[in-house]
Amino acid sequence: MTEQETWINTKWRPSMGWTYMAVCIFDFIIAPVIWSMFQIVGGGKVETQWKPLTLEGAGLFHMAMGAILGIAVYGRTQEKMAEKKHDE
């Protein structure tokens, strides 16, 4: 790592992964539970099901994040392989 590389240059890949994981945990675990609890408290029973926000628009969010993370992993692998060849 050179001196000119900033935190964002070196840590953006893991932070994208953490962000995607947090969004998925919220949208598929936390929000449905809270949605159901509010319905039970408000009306006594669950009337409607939670619709995941990230699946709106045919899941384009998940496809985009998969592409971003996949390309980032591929790029990092290429960087590591180039470093290893350079060290030999």
N, C-alpha and C. Protein backbone atom coordinates (compact mmCIF):
# COMPACT_ATOMS: atom_id res chain seq x y z
N MET A 1 0.85 -1.18 0.00
CA MET A 1 0.00 0.00 0.00
C MET A 1 0.89 1.24 0.00
N THR A 2 0.63 2.13 -0.91
CA THR A 2 1.42 3.35 -0.98
C THR A 2 0.82 4.41 -0.06
N GLU A 3 1.59 5.46 0.17
CA GLU A 3 1.12 6.53 1.04
C GLU A 3 -0.08 7.27 0.47
N GLN A 4 -0.20 7.29 -0.85
CA GLN A 4 -1.27 8.04 -1.48
C GLN A 4 -2.62 7.33 -1.43
N GLU A 5 -2.63 6.05 -1.09
CA GLU A 5 -3.89 5.32 -1.01
C GLU A 5 -4.61 5.70 0.28
N THR A 6 -5.86 6.09 0.14
CA THR A 6 -6.65 6.50 1.29
C THR A 6 -7.46 5.31 1.81
N TRP A 7 -8.12 5.54 2.90
CA TRP A 7 -8.96 4.49 3.50
C TRP A 7 -10.01 4.01 2.51
N ILE A 8 -10.63 4.94 1.82
CA ILE A 8 -11.70 4.56 0.90
C ILE A 8 -11.16 3.72 -0.25
N ASN A 9 -9.93 3.97 -0.67
CA ASN A 9 -9.34 3.17 -1.75
C ASN A 9 -9.06 1.74 -1.31
N THR A 10 -8.71 1.55 -0.06
CA THR A 10 -8.34 0.21 0.40
C THR A 10 -9.49 -0.56 1.03
N LYS A 11 -10.48 0.12 1.53
CA LYS A 11 -11.56 -0.56 2.28
C LYS A 11 -12.93 -0.51 1.63
N TRP A 12 -13.02 -0.06 0.38
CA TRP A 12 -14.35 0.05 -0.22
C TRP A 12 -14.97 -1.31 -0.49
N ARG A 13 -14.16 -2.30 -0.82
CA ARG A 13 -14.72 -3.64 -1.10
C ARG A 13 -15.38 -4.24 0.13
N PRO A 14 -14.67 -4.30 1.28
CA PRO A 14 -15.35 -4.85 2.45
C PRO A 14 -16.54 -4.01 2.89
N SER A 15 -16.45 -2.69 2.76
CA SER A 15 -17.58 -1.87 3.19
C SER A 15 -18.80 -2.08 2.30
N MET A 16 -18.59 -2.36 1.02
CA MET A 16 -19.72 -2.70 0.14
C MET A 16 -20.35 -4.01 0.58
N GLY A 17 -19.54 -4.98 0.95
CA GLY A 17 -20.05 -6.26 1.44
C GLY A 17 -20.82 -6.09 2.73
N TRP A 18 -20.29 -5.29 3.65
CA TRP A 18 -20.99 -5.05 4.93
C TRP A 18 -22.31 -4.34 4.70
N THR A 19 -22.30 -3.37 3.79
CA THR A 19 -23.53 -2.63 3.49
C THR A 19 -24.58 -3.56 2.89
N TYR A 20 -24.17 -4.39 1.95
CA TYR A 20 -25.11 -5.32 1.32
C TYR A 20 -25.67 -6.31 2.34
N MET A 21 -24.80 -6.80 3.22
CA MET A 21 -25.25 -7.72 4.26
C MET A 21 -26.26 -7.03 5.20
N ALA A 22 -25.99 -5.78 5.58
CA ALA A 22 -26.91 -5.05 6.47
C ALA A 22 -28.26 -4.83 5.79
N VAL A 23 -28.25 -4.48 4.51
CA VAL A 23 -29.50 -4.26 3.78
C VAL A 23 -30.31 -5.55 3.72
N CYS A 24 -29.63 -6.67 3.43
CA CYS A 24 -30.34 -7.96 3.35
C CYS A 24 -30.89 -8.38 4.70
N ILE A 25 -30.11 -8.20 5.76
CA ILE A 25 -30.60 -8.55 7.11
C ILE A 25 -31.83 -7.72 7.45
N PHE A 26 -31.78 -6.43 7.15
CA PHE A 26 -32.95 -5.59 7.44
C PHE A 26 -34.15 -6.01 6.60
N ASP A 27 -33.95 -6.15 5.30
CA ASP A 27 -35.08 -6.36 4.40
C ASP A 27 -35.69 -7.75 4.51
N PHE A 28 -34.91 -8.74 4.91
CA PHE A 28 -35.43 -10.11 4.95
C PHE A 28 -35.63 -10.67 6.36
N ILE A 29 -35.09 -10.00 7.38
CA ILE A 29 -35.23 -10.52 8.74
C ILE A 29 -35.90 -9.49 9.66
N ILE A 30 -35.28 -8.33 9.82
CA ILE A 30 -35.75 -7.35 10.80
C ILE A 30 -37.10 -6.74 10.41
N ALA A 31 -37.19 -6.22 9.19
CA ALA A 31 -38.42 -5.55 8.75
C ALA A 31 -39.64 -6.47 8.76
N PRO A 32 -39.55 -7.73 8.30
CA PRO A 32 -40.74 -8.59 8.37
C PRO A 32 -41.22 -8.86 9.81
N VAL A 33 -40.26 -9.00 10.72
CA VAL A 33 -40.64 -9.24 12.12
C VAL A 33 -41.32 -8.00 12.69
N ILE A 34 -40.73 -6.83 12.47
CA ILE A 34 -41.34 -5.59 12.98
C ILE A 34 -42.69 -5.35 12.33
N TRP A 35 -42.79 -5.58 11.02
CA TRP A 35 -44.05 -5.42 10.29
C TRP A 35 -45.15 -6.29 10.91
N SER A 36 -44.83 -7.54 11.19
CA SER A 36 -45.81 -8.45 11.78
C SER A 36 -46.16 -8.04 13.20
N MET A 37 -45.17 -7.61 13.97
CA MET A 37 -45.44 -7.19 15.36
C MET A 37 -46.36 -5.97 15.39
N PHE A 38 -46.13 -5.00 14.51
CA PHE A 38 -47.01 -3.83 14.46
C PHE A 38 -48.43 -4.22 14.11
N GLN A 39 -48.60 -5.17 13.22
CA GLN A 39 -49.95 -5.61 12.85
C GLN A 39 -50.63 -6.33 14.01
N ILE A 40 -49.87 -7.14 14.73
CA ILE A 40 -50.45 -7.87 15.87
C ILE A 40 -50.86 -6.90 16.96
N VAL A 41 -50.00 -5.93 17.25
CA VAL A 41 -50.30 -4.94 18.30
C VAL A 41 -51.47 -4.06 17.86
N GLY A 42 -51.48 -3.66 16.59
CA GLY A 42 -52.51 -2.75 16.10
C GLY A 42 -53.85 -3.40 15.85
N GLY A 43 -53.87 -4.58 15.28
CA GLY A 43 -55.14 -5.18 14.91
C GLY A 43 -55.39 -6.56 15.48
N GLY A 44 -54.43 -7.14 16.14
CA GLY A 44 -54.63 -8.44 16.75
C GLY A 44 -54.21 -9.63 15.90
N LYS A 45 -53.98 -9.42 14.61
CA LYS A 45 -53.52 -10.51 13.75
C LYS A 45 -52.76 -9.95 12.55
N VAL A 46 -51.99 -10.83 11.92
CA VAL A 46 -51.21 -10.43 10.76
C VAL A 46 -52.11 -10.52 9.53
N GLU A 47 -52.36 -9.39 8.90
CA GLU A 47 -53.25 -9.33 7.74
C GLU A 47 -52.49 -9.35 6.42
N THR A 48 -51.38 -8.63 6.37
CA THR A 48 -50.61 -8.54 5.13
C THR A 48 -49.17 -8.96 5.38
N GLN A 49 -48.56 -9.44 4.34
CA GLN A 49 -47.18 -9.91 4.42
C GLN A 49 -46.23 -8.79 4.01
N TRP A 50 -45.04 -8.78 4.62
CA TRP A 50 -44.00 -7.82 4.25
C TRP A 50 -43.53 -8.09 2.82
N LYS A 51 -43.40 -7.04 2.04
CA LYS A 51 -42.88 -7.15 0.68
C LYS A 51 -41.47 -6.57 0.70
N PRO A 52 -40.44 -7.39 0.50
CA PRO A 52 -39.07 -6.88 0.55
C PRO A 52 -38.85 -5.74 -0.44
N LEU A 53 -38.32 -4.65 0.08
CA LEU A 53 -38.10 -3.47 -0.75
C LEU A 53 -37.07 -3.71 -1.84
N THR A 54 -36.07 -4.53 -1.54
CA THR A 54 -35.00 -4.76 -2.51
C THR A 54 -35.42 -5.69 -3.64
N LEU A 55 -36.58 -6.33 -3.53
CA LEU A 55 -37.06 -7.19 -4.61
C LEU A 55 -37.99 -6.45 -5.57
N GLU A 56 -38.30 -5.19 -5.23
CA GLU A 56 -39.07 -4.37 -6.16
C GLU A 56 -38.23 -4.16 -7.41
N GLY A 57 -38.85 -4.05 -8.53
CA GLY A 57 -38.10 -3.85 -9.77
C GLY A 57 -37.34 -5.10 -10.18
N ALA A 58 -37.92 -6.26 -9.95
CA ALA A 58 -37.37 -7.56 -10.36
C ALA A 58 -36.01 -7.86 -9.72
N GLY A 59 -35.75 -7.31 -8.54
CA GLY A 59 -34.52 -7.62 -7.83
C GLY A 59 -33.28 -6.98 -8.44
N LEU A 60 -33.47 -5.86 -9.12
CA LEU A 60 -32.34 -5.19 -9.76
C LEU A 60 -31.26 -4.80 -8.75
N PHE A 61 -31.67 -4.46 -7.53
CA PHE A 61 -30.70 -4.11 -6.49
C PHE A 61 -29.75 -5.27 -6.24
N HIS A 62 -30.27 -6.48 -6.11
CA HIS A 62 -29.43 -7.65 -5.83
C HIS A 62 -28.54 -7.99 -7.03
N MET A 63 -29.06 -7.83 -8.22
CA MET A 63 -28.24 -8.08 -9.41
C MET A 63 -27.10 -7.07 -9.49
N ALA A 64 -27.41 -5.81 -9.20
CA ALA A 64 -26.38 -4.77 -9.26
C ALA A 64 -25.32 -4.99 -8.19
N MET A 65 -25.74 -5.30 -6.98
CA MET A 65 -24.77 -5.54 -5.91
C MET A 65 -23.94 -6.79 -6.20
N GLY A 66 -24.56 -7.80 -6.76
CA GLY A 66 -23.82 -9.01 -7.14
C GLY A 66 -22.76 -8.70 -8.19
N ALA A 67 -23.12 -7.86 -9.15
CA ALA A 67 -22.16 -7.48 -10.19
C ALA A 67 -21.02 -6.66 -9.60
N ILE A 68 -21.35 -5.70 -8.76
CA ILE A 68 -20.32 -4.86 -8.15
C ILE A 68 -19.37 -5.70 -7.31
N LEU A 69 -19.93 -6.53 -6.44
CA LEU A 69 -19.08 -7.34 -5.57
C LEU A 69 -18.32 -8.41 -6.35
N GLY A 70 -18.94 -8.99 -7.35
CA GLY A 70 -18.26 -10.00 -8.16
C GLY A 70 -17.08 -9.43 -8.92
N ILE A 71 -17.28 -8.29 -9.55
CA ILE A 71 -16.20 -7.64 -10.29
C ILE A 71 -15.11 -7.18 -9.33
N ALA A 72 -15.50 -6.69 -8.16
CA ALA A 72 -14.51 -6.26 -7.16
C ALA A 72 -13.65 -7.43 -6.69
N VAL A 73 -14.28 -8.56 -6.45
CA VAL A 73 -13.53 -9.74 -6.02
C VAL A 73 -12.59 -10.20 -7.13
N TYR A 74 -13.07 -10.21 -8.35
CA TYR A 74 -12.22 -10.60 -9.47
C TYR A 74 -11.03 -9.65 -9.60
N GLY A 75 -11.30 -8.35 -9.48
CA GLY A 75 -10.23 -7.36 -9.58
C GLY A 75 -9.21 -7.51 -8.47
N ARG A 76 -9.67 -7.77 -7.26
CA ARG A 76 -8.75 -7.95 -6.13
C ARG A 76 -7.92 -9.21 -6.32
N THR A 77 -8.52 -10.26 -6.85
CA THR A 77 -7.77 -11.49 -7.12
C THR A 77 -6.66 -11.22 -8.12
N GLN A 78 -6.97 -10.46 -9.16
CA GLN A 78 -5.96 -10.13 -10.15
C GLN A 78 -4.83 -9.30 -9.53
N GLU A 79 -5.18 -8.36 -8.64
CA GLU A 79 -4.16 -7.56 -7.95
C GLU A 79 -3.25 -8.44 -7.10
N LYS A 80 -3.85 -9.35 -6.35
CA LYS A 80 -3.06 -10.25 -5.49
C LYS A 80 -2.14 -11.13 -6.32
N MET A 81 -2.64 -11.65 -7.43
CA MET A 81 -1.81 -12.51 -8.29
C MET A 81 -0.66 -11.71 -8.89
N ALA A 82 -0.91 -10.47 -9.28
CA ALA A 82 0.15 -9.62 -9.84
C ALA A 82 1.20 -9.32 -8.77
N GLU A 83 0.76 -9.06 -7.53
CA GLU A 83 1.70 -8.81 -6.43
C GLU A 83 2.57 -10.04 -6.18
N LYS A 84 1.94 -11.20 -6.21
CA LYS A 84 2.68 -12.45 -5.95
C LYS A 84 3.73 -12.69 -7.04
N LYS A 85 3.36 -12.44 -8.30
CA LYS A 85 4.32 -12.61 -9.40
C LYS A 85 5.46 -11.60 -9.26
N HIS A 86 5.14 -10.39 -8.83
CA HIS A 86 6.15 -9.35 -8.67
C HIS A 86 7.14 -9.71 -7.55
N ASP A 87 6.64 -10.35 -6.48
CA ASP A 87 7.49 -10.71 -5.34
C ASP A 87 8.43 -11.87 -5.65
N GLU A 88 8.09 -12.70 -6.63
CA GLU A 88 8.91 -13.89 -6.93
C GLU A 88 10.20 -13.56 -7.56
